Amino acid sequence: MISSSKLAEPPNTDKPPVARQSLPMALLRAREAVMARFRPLLAAHDVSEQQWRVIRVLGESGPLDATEVAQRCCIMKPSLTRIIRALAQRKLIIRRKDSDDGRRLILDATPKAHEMITSMMPQIDAVYDALEQEFGKDRLEQVLVILEDLTETRPS
């Protein structure tokens, strides 16, 4: 049980420097702000964010190993297993064993998935256009460059 003296203590006023504010929280808030613009479109096509990432990656890249899909889509392998099952049932992806290594699962987008991508792209482009209008194309490009740089930085 917390004593009443602990509850009455003033909050720590030693605020961290701006560069040390909670980067993970800021990134999550930014992600939510961006995804809020895309969620209605995804919902209208009855796909989750994760399912859309898989469809889009496979649609753009062609067949990929499931491990590569998980990495490119930032999806944990157990979650990807459920997503693969759901997308295969909807005939949006096909899965097959690698002919050289039966342990590897190869995934590919179906023509139905390509149709979905094609039908959604004008609306997705409109969201990006609105973001560019609101924030400026140069600023968005800067954000993407900075985030890419941050992604490539690994702890030593």
C-alpha atoms as a PDB file:
ATOM      1  CA  MET A   1       0.000   0.000   0.000  1.00  0.00           C
ATOM      2  CA  ILE A   2       1.279   3.480  -0.859  1.00  0.00           C
ATOM      3  CA  SER A   3       1.555   5.822   2.087  1.00  0.00           C
ATOM      4  CA  SER A   4      -0.221   9.164   1.942  1.00  0.00           C
ATOM      5  CA  SER A   5       3.175  10.910   2.190  1.00  0.00           C
ATOM      6  CA  LYS A   6       4.179   9.288  -1.119  1.00  0.00           C
ATOM      7  CA  LEU A   7       1.002  10.516  -2.797  1.00  0.00           C
ATOM      8  CA  ALA A   8       1.539  14.066  -1.588  1.00  0.00           C
ATOM      9  CA  GLU A   9       5.074  14.376  -2.962  1.00  0.00           C
ATOM     10  CA  PRO A  10       5.365  16.894  -5.770  1.00  0.00           C
ATOM     11  CA  PRO A  11       6.232  15.482  -9.177  1.00  0.00           C
ATOM     12  CA  ASN A  12       9.866  15.490 -10.221  1.00  0.00           C
ATOM     13  CA  THR A  13      10.520  18.905 -11.747  1.00  0.00           C
ATOM     14  CA  ASP A  14      13.814  17.853 -13.324  1.00  0.00           C
ATOM     15  CA  LYS A  15      12.478  17.603 -16.866  1.00  0.00           C
ATOM     16  CA  PRO A  16      14.676  15.842 -19.386  1.00  0.00           C
ATOM     17  CA  PRO A  17      16.166  17.850 -22.243  1.00  0.00           C
ATOM     18  CA  VAL A  18      13.985  18.040 -25.354  1.00  0.00           C
ATOM     19  CA  ALA A  19      16.125  15.463 -27.171  1.00  0.00           C
ATOM     20  CA  ARG A  20      15.488  12.996 -24.355  1.00  0.00           C
ATOM     21  CA  GLN A  21      11.721  13.272 -24.256  1.00  0.00           C
ATOM     22  CA  SER A  22       9.996   9.984 -24.752  1.00  0.00           C
ATOM     23  CA  LEU A  23      10.865   9.174 -28.337  1.00  0.00           C
ATOM     24  CA  PRO A  24       8.918   5.886 -28.284  1.00  0.00           C
ATOM     25  CA  MET A  25       5.773   7.688 -27.123  1.00  0.00           C
ATOM     26  CA  ALA A  26       6.202  10.466 -29.681  1.00  0.00           C
ATOM     27  CA  LEU A  27       6.617   7.881 -32.440  1.00  0.00           C
ATOM     28  CA  LEU A  28       3.507   6.022 -31.278  1.00  0.00           C
ATOM     29  CA  ARG A  29       1.475   9.242 -31.203  1.00  0.00           C
ATOM     30  CA  ALA A  30       2.683  10.146 -34.703  1.00  0.00           C
ATOM     31  CA  ARG A  31       1.850   6.658 -35.974  1.00  0.00           C
ATOM     32  CA  GLU A  32      -1.652   6.905 -34.535  1.00  0.00           C
ATOM     33  CA  ALA A  33      -2.165  10.348 -36.085  1.00  0.00           C
ATOM     34  CA  VAL A  34      -1.151   9.031 -39.504  1.00  0.00           C
ATOM     35  CA  MET A  35      -3.003   5.729 -39.271  1.00  0.00           C
ATOM     36  CA  ALA A  36      -6.217   7.470 -38.239  1.00  0.00           C
ATOM     37  CA  ARG A  37      -6.298   8.818 -41.787  1.00  0.00           C
ATOM     38  CA  PHE A  38      -5.995   5.350 -43.323  1.00  0.00           C
ATOM     39  CA  ARG A  39      -8.175   3.258 -40.987  1.00  0.00           C
ATOM     40  CA  PRO A  40     -11.537   4.189 -42.559  1.00  0.00           C
ATOM     41  CA  LEU A  41     -10.231   3.080 -45.956  1.00  0.00           C
ATOM     42  CA  LEU A  42      -8.907  -0.195 -44.556  1.00  0.00           C
ATOM     43  CA  ALA A  43     -12.157  -0.814 -42.692  1.00  0.00           C
ATOM     44  CA  ALA A  44     -14.163  -0.182 -45.868  1.00  0.00           C
ATOM     45  CA  HIS A  45     -12.186  -2.999 -47.515  1.00  0.00           C
ATOM     46  CA  ASP A  46     -12.389  -5.208 -44.417  1.00  0.00           C
ATOM     47  CA  VAL A  47      -8.633  -5.488 -43.902  1.00  0.00           C
ATOM     48  CA  SER A  48      -6.641  -4.826 -40.763  1.00  0.00           C
ATOM     49  CA  GLU A  49      -3.534  -2.666 -40.760  1.00  0.00           C
ATOM     50  CA  GLN A  50      -1.336  -5.743 -40.541  1.00  0.00           C
ATOM     51  CA  GLN A  51      -3.206  -7.549 -43.311  1.00  0.00           C
ATOM     52  CA  TRP A  52      -2.877  -4.493 -45.534  1.00  0.00           C
ATOM     53  CA  ARG A  53       0.878  -4.345 -44.914  1.00  0.00           C
ATOM     54  CA  VAL A  54       1.229  -7.981 -45.982  1.00  0.00           C
ATOM     55  CA  ILE A  55      -0.930  -7.509 -49.085  1.00  0.00           C
ATOM     56  CA  ARG A  56       0.873  -4.320 -50.066  1.00  0.00           C
ATOM     57  CA  VAL A  57       4.377  -5.743 -49.564  1.00  0.00           C
ATOM     58  CA  LEU A  58       3.568  -8.875 -51.557  1.00  0.00           C
ATOM     59  CA  GLY A  59       1.793  -6.858 -54.232  1.00  0.00           C
ATOM     60  CA  GLU A  60       4.829  -4.632 -54.696  1.00  0.00           C
ATOM     61  CA  SER A  61       7.573  -7.229 -54.332  1.00  0.00           C
ATOM     62  CA  GLY A  62       6.191 -10.465 -55.682  1.00  0.00           C
ATOM     63  CA  PRO A  63       6.708 -13.795 -53.922  1.00  0.00           C
ATOM     64  CA  LEU A  64       8.632 -13.664 -50.647  1.00  0.00           C
ATOM     65  CA  ASP A  65       9.665 -15.997 -47.887  1.00  0.00           C
ATOM     66  CA  ALA A  66       7.396 -15.628 -44.839  1.00  0.00           C
ATOM     67  CA  THR A  67      10.342 -14.531 -42.682  1.00  0.00           C
ATOM     68  CA  GLU A  68      11.103 -11.716 -45.124  1.00  0.00           C
ATOM     69  CA  VAL A  69       7.436 -10.671 -45.114  1.00  0.00           C
ATOM     70  CA  ALA A  70       7.465 -10.546 -41.307  1.00  0.00           C
ATOM     71  CA  GLN A  71      10.573  -8.351 -41.344  1.00  0.00           C
ATOM     72  CA  ARG A  72       9.360  -5.982 -44.062  1.00  0.00           C
ATOM     73  CA  CYS A  73       5.929  -5.634 -42.454  1.00  0.00           C
ATOM     74  CA  CYS A  74       7.203  -5.330 -38.863  1.00  0.00           C
ATOM     75  CA  ILE A  75       4.990  -8.203 -37.794  1.00  0.00           C
ATOM     76  CA  MET A  76       5.934 -10.896 -35.289  1.00  0.00           C
ATOM     77  CA  LYS A  77       6.011 -14.397 -36.788  1.00  0.00           C
ATOM     78  CA  PRO A  78       3.173 -15.784 -34.608  1.00  0.00           C
ATOM     79  CA  SER A  79       0.945 -12.884 -35.685  1.00  0.00           C
ATOM     80  CA  LEU A  80       1.952 -13.393 -39.303  1.00  0.00           C
ATOM     81  CA  THR A  81       0.813 -17.022 -39.092  1.00  0.00           C
ATOM     82  CA  ARG A  82      -2.724 -15.896 -38.200  1.00  0.00           C
ATOM     83  CA  ILE A  83      -2.669 -13.177 -40.874  1.00  0.00           C
ATOM     84  CA  ILE A  84      -1.513 -15.662 -43.526  1.00  0.00           C
ATOM     85  CA  ARG A  85      -4.346 -18.013 -42.604  1.00  0.00           C
ATOM     86  CA  ALA A  86      -6.961 -15.234 -42.799  1.00  0.00           C
ATOM     87  CA  LEU A  87      -5.652 -13.819 -46.086  1.00  0.00           C
ATOM     88  CA  ALA A  88      -5.399 -17.275 -47.658  1.00  0.00           C
ATOM     89  CA  GLN A  89      -8.998 -18.038 -46.649  1.00  0.00           C
ATOM     90  CA  ARG A  90     -10.058 -14.816 -48.369  1.00  0.00           C
ATOM     91  CA  LYS A  91      -7.999 -15.803 -51.422  1.00  0.00           C
ATOM     92  CA  LEU A  92      -5.836 -12.680 -51.148  1.00  0.00           C
ATOM     93  CA  ILE A  93      -2.564 -14.568 -50.857  1.00  0.00           C
ATOM     94  CA  ILE A  94      -1.274 -17.952 -51.855  1.00  0.00           C
ATOM     95  CA  ARG A  95       1.227 -19.915 -49.847  1.00  0.00           C
ATOM     96  CA  ARG A  96       3.477 -22.728 -50.934  1.00  0.00           C
ATOM     97  CA  LYS A  97       6.512 -24.578 -49.674  1.00  0.00           C
ATOM     98  CA  ASP A  98       9.838 -23.562 -51.179  1.00  0.00           C
ATOM     99  CA  SER A  99      10.896 -26.190 -53.733  1.00  0.00           C
ATOM    100  CA  ASP A 100      14.506 -26.089 -52.486  1.00  0.00           C
ATOM    101  CA  ASP A 101      13.771 -25.943 -48.759  1.00  0.00           C
ATOM    102  CA  GLY A 102      10.495 -27.468 -47.568  1.00  0.00           C
ATOM    103  CA  ARG A 103      10.785 -25.600 -44.259  1.00  0.00           C
ATOM    104  CA  ARG A 104      10.424 -22.223 -45.996  1.00  0.00           C
ATOM    105  CA  LEU A 105       6.979 -20.855 -46.771  1.00  0.00           C
ATOM    106  CA  ILE A 106       6.671 -18.677 -49.867  1.00  0.00           C
ATOM    107  CA  LEU A 107       3.843 -16.140 -49.993  1.00  0.00           C
ATOM    108  CA  ASP A 108       2.434 -14.235 -52.954  1.00  0.00           C
ATOM    109  CA  ALA A 109      -0.430 -11.871 -53.633  1.00  0.00           C
ATOM    110  CA  THR A 110      -3.279 -13.234 -55.735  1.00  0.00           C
ATOM    111  CA  PRO A 111      -4.982 -11.416 -58.612  1.00  0.00           C
ATOM    112  CA  LYS A 112      -7.786 -10.597 -56.147  1.00  0.00           C
ATOM    113  CA  ALA A 113      -5.223  -8.872 -53.891  1.00  0.00           C
ATOM    114  CA  HIS A 114      -3.810  -6.944 -56.844  1.00  0.00           C
ATOM    115  CA  GLU A 115      -7.351  -5.801 -57.698  1.00  0.00           C
ATOM    116  CA  MET A 116      -7.815  -4.637 -54.102  1.00  0.00           C
ATOM    117  CA  ILE A 117      -4.536  -2.715 -54.187  1.00  0.00           C
ATOM    118  CA  THR A 118      -5.429  -1.098 -57.503  1.00  0.00           C
ATOM    119  CA  SER A 119      -8.881  -0.105 -56.289  1.00  0.00           C
ATOM    120  CA  MET A 120      -7.517   1.370 -53.039  1.00  0.00           C
ATOM    121  CA  MET A 121      -4.565   3.286 -54.484  1.00  0.00           C
ATOM    122  CA  PRO A 122      -6.492   6.409 -55.564  1.00  0.00           C
ATOM    123  CA  GLN A 123      -7.851   6.789 -52.028  1.00  0.00           C
ATOM    124  CA  ILE A 124      -4.450   6.077 -50.472  1.00  0.00           C
ATOM    125  CA  ASP A 125      -2.848   8.608 -52.798  1.00  0.00           C
ATOM    126  CA  ALA A 126      -5.493  11.132 -51.728  1.00  0.00           C
ATOM    127  CA  VAL A 127      -4.502  10.623 -48.071  1.00  0.00           C
ATOM    128  CA  TYR A 128      -0.848  11.197 -48.955  1.00  0.00           C
ATOM    129  CA  ASP A 129      -1.795  14.280 -50.987  1.00  0.00           C
ATOM    130  CA  ALA A 130      -3.712  15.655 -48.005  1.00  0.00           C
ATOM    131  CA  LEU A 131      -0.717  15.035 -45.741  1.00  0.00           C
ATOM    132  CA  GLU A 132       1.537  16.851 -48.210  1.00  0.00           C
ATOM    133  CA  GLN A 133      -0.883  19.774 -48.380  1.00  0.00           C
ATOM    134  CA  GLU A 134      -1.143  19.975 -44.602  1.00  0.00           C
ATOM    135  CA  PHE A 135       2.511  19.486 -43.664  1.00  0.00           C
ATOM    136  CA  GLY A 136       4.428  20.177 -46.853  1.00  0.00           C
ATOM    137  CA  LYS A 137       6.117  17.699 -49.143  1.00  0.00           C
ATOM    138  CA  ASP A 138       9.616  18.727 -48.026  1.00  0.00           C
ATOM    139  CA  ARG A 139       8.786  18.277 -44.336  1.00  0.00           C
ATOM    140  CA  LEU A 140       7.297  14.834 -44.930  1.00  0.00           C
ATOM    141  CA  GLU A 141      10.364  13.811 -46.937  1.00  0.00           C
ATOM    142  CA  GLN A 142      12.570  15.058 -44.088  1.00  0.00           C
ATOM    143  CA  VAL A 143      10.600  12.985 -41.597  1.00  0.00           C
ATOM    144  CA  LEU A 144      10.990   9.898 -43.769  1.00  0.00           C
ATOM    145  CA  VAL A 145      14.752  10.446 -44.127  1.00  0.00           C
ATOM    146  CA  ILE A 146      15.159  10.971 -40.383  1.00  0.00           C
ATOM    147  CA  LEU A 147      13.093   7.879 -39.578  1.00  0.00           C
ATOM    148  CA  GLU A 148      15.101   5.820 -42.074  1.00  0.00           C
ATOM    149  CA  ASP A 149      18.330   7.051 -40.485  1.00  0.00           C
ATOM    150  CA  LEU A 150      16.966   6.170 -37.058  1.00  0.00           C
ATOM    151  CA  THR A 151      15.962   2.707 -38.295  1.00  0.00           C
ATOM    152  CA  GLU A 152      19.476   2.052 -39.585  1.00  0.00           C
ATOM    153  CA  THR A 153      21.023   3.041 -36.245  1.00  0.00           C
ATOM    154  CA  ARG A 154      21.622  -0.009 -34.108  1.00  0.00           C
ATOM    155  CA  PRO A 155      22.762  -0.108 -30.486  1.00  0.00           C
ATOM    156  CA  SER A 156      26.406  -1.030 -30.079  1.00  0.00           C
END
